Amino acid sequence: MISIFSAVATAFQTISMLIAPAIGSLFAKLIGASIKLLVAGGATWLMGVIVLLFIVKRINHSKKIKGEFNN
């Protein structure tokens, strides 16, 4: 059963890698390459901030469990 899920996940990844350049070029043609790059950069930055906040929250939670907080 696990191999079926793995195969489906791999298929979705492969399909998205094949389709992404076509969608990206379509967006670049419709809205312009500079705007597309700004939006992609902003989305990447936002995802990075969310991940960093999640990591900090997780570290603080583990410190709280271990009793290492000084508050």
C-alpha atoms as a PDB file:
ATOM      1  CA  MET A   1       0.000   0.000   0.000  1.00  0.00           C
ATOM      2  CA  ILE A   2       2.850   2.389   0.778  1.00  0.00           C
ATOM      3  CA  SER A   3       4.374   1.822  -2.653  1.00  0.00           C
ATOM      4  CA  ILE A   4       1.120   2.970  -4.282  1.00  0.00           C
ATOM      5  CA  PHE A   5       1.224   6.256  -2.352  1.00  0.00           C
ATOM      6  CA  SER A   6       4.878   6.681  -3.206  1.00  0.00           C
ATOM      7  CA  ALA A   7       4.168   6.114  -6.880  1.00  0.00           C
ATOM      8  CA  VAL A   8       1.312   8.625  -6.863  1.00  0.00           C
ATOM      9  CA  ALA A   9       3.450  11.238  -5.075  1.00  0.00           C
ATOM     10  CA  THR A  10       6.274  10.705  -7.550  1.00  0.00           C
ATOM     11  CA  ALA A  11       3.847  10.988 -10.463  1.00  0.00           C
ATOM     12  CA  PHE A  12       2.503  14.325  -9.166  1.00  0.00           C
ATOM     13  CA  GLN A  13       6.027  15.651  -8.731  1.00  0.00           C
ATOM     14  CA  THR A  14       7.013  14.600 -12.233  1.00  0.00           C
ATOM     15  CA  ILE A  15       3.871  16.047 -13.799  1.00  0.00           C
ATOM     16  CA  SER A  16       4.320  19.353 -11.975  1.00  0.00           C
ATOM     17  CA  MET A  17       7.949  19.602 -13.120  1.00  0.00           C
ATOM     18  CA  LEU A  18       6.847  19.038 -16.708  1.00  0.00           C
ATOM     19  CA  ILE A  19       3.946  21.505 -16.601  1.00  0.00           C
ATOM     20  CA  ALA A  20       5.603  24.302 -14.555  1.00  0.00           C
ATOM     21  CA  PRO A  21       7.753  25.757 -17.382  1.00  0.00           C
ATOM     22  CA  ALA A  22       4.756  26.002 -19.705  1.00  0.00           C
ATOM     23  CA  ILE A  23       2.619  27.714 -17.061  1.00  0.00           C
ATOM     24  CA  GLY A  24       5.502  30.027 -16.132  1.00  0.00           C
ATOM     25  CA  SER A  25       6.064  31.094 -19.703  1.00  0.00           C
ATOM     26  CA  LEU A  26       2.325  31.672 -20.174  1.00  0.00           C
ATOM     27  CA  PHE A  27       2.241  33.919 -17.089  1.00  0.00           C
ATOM     28  CA  ALA A  28       5.348  35.754 -18.291  1.00  0.00           C
ATOM     29  CA  LYS A  29       3.695  36.407 -21.631  1.00  0.00           C
ATOM     30  CA  LEU A  30       0.432  37.566 -20.047  1.00  0.00           C
ATOM     31  CA  ILE A  31       1.705  39.756 -17.188  1.00  0.00           C
ATOM     32  CA  GLY A  32       5.342  40.348 -18.046  1.00  0.00           C
ATOM     33  CA  ALA A  33       8.474  38.649 -16.853  1.00  0.00           C
ATOM     34  CA  SER A  34       9.482  41.269 -14.289  1.00  0.00           C
ATOM     35  CA  ILE A  35       6.166  41.114 -12.437  1.00  0.00           C
ATOM     36  CA  LYS A  36       6.242  37.334 -12.499  1.00  0.00           C
ATOM     37  CA  LEU A  37       9.733  37.315 -11.018  1.00  0.00           C
ATOM     38  CA  LEU A  38       8.726  39.812  -8.326  1.00  0.00           C
ATOM     39  CA  VAL A  39       5.718  37.689  -7.361  1.00  0.00           C
ATOM     40  CA  ALA A  40       7.804  34.505  -7.337  1.00  0.00           C
ATOM     41  CA  GLY A  41      10.472  36.181  -5.207  1.00  0.00           C
ATOM     42  CA  GLY A  42       7.873  37.524  -2.798  1.00  0.00           C
ATOM     43  CA  ALA A  43       6.242  34.122  -2.483  1.00  0.00           C
ATOM     44  CA  THR A  44       9.619  32.490  -1.843  1.00  0.00           C
ATOM     45  CA  TRP A  45      10.430  35.106   0.801  1.00  0.00           C
ATOM     46  CA  LEU A  46       7.048  34.601   2.472  1.00  0.00           C
ATOM     47  CA  MET A  47       7.471  30.834   2.547  1.00  0.00           C
ATOM     48  CA  GLY A  48      10.932  31.273   4.072  1.00  0.00           C
ATOM     49  CA  VAL A  49       9.571  33.531   6.817  1.00  0.00           C
ATOM     50  CA  ILE A  50       6.788  31.056   7.592  1.00  0.00           C
ATOM     51  CA  VAL A  51       9.273  28.178   7.827  1.00  0.00           C
ATOM     52  CA  LEU A  52      11.594  30.202  10.073  1.00  0.00           C
ATOM     53  CA  LEU A  53       8.701  31.114  12.371  1.00  0.00           C
ATOM     54  CA  PHE A  54       7.683  27.460  12.521  1.00  0.00           C
ATOM     55  CA  ILE A  55      11.257  26.431  13.400  1.00  0.00           C
ATOM     56  CA  VAL A  56      11.515  29.073  16.148  1.00  0.00           C
ATOM     57  CA  LYS A  57       8.146  28.003  17.561  1.00  0.00           C
ATOM     58  CA  ARG A  58       9.224  24.372  17.553  1.00  0.00           C
ATOM     59  CA  ILE A  59      12.550  25.155  19.250  1.00  0.00           C
ATOM     60  CA  ASN A  60      10.780  27.211  21.915  1.00  0.00           C
ATOM     61  CA  HIS A  61       8.267  24.417  22.436  1.00  0.00           C
ATOM     62  CA  SER A  62      11.014  21.828  22.899  1.00  0.00           C
ATOM     63  CA  LYS A  63      12.822  24.137  25.356  1.00  0.00           C
ATOM     64  CA  LYS A  64       9.577  24.571  27.264  1.00  0.00           C
ATOM     65  CA  ILE A  65       9.142  20.806  27.496  1.00  0.00           C
ATOM     66  CA  LYS A  66      12.729  20.372  28.728  1.00  0.00           C
ATOM     67  CA  GLY A  67      12.339  23.190  31.257  1.00  0.00           C
ATOM     68  CA  GLU A  68      15.050  25.356  29.725  1.00  0.00           C
ATOM     69  CA  PHE A  69      12.931  28.509  29.529  1.00  0.00           C
ATOM     70  CA  ASN A  70      13.999  31.347  31.813  1.00  0.00           C
ATOM     71  CA  ASN A  71      10.630  33.172  31.784  1.00  0.00           C
END
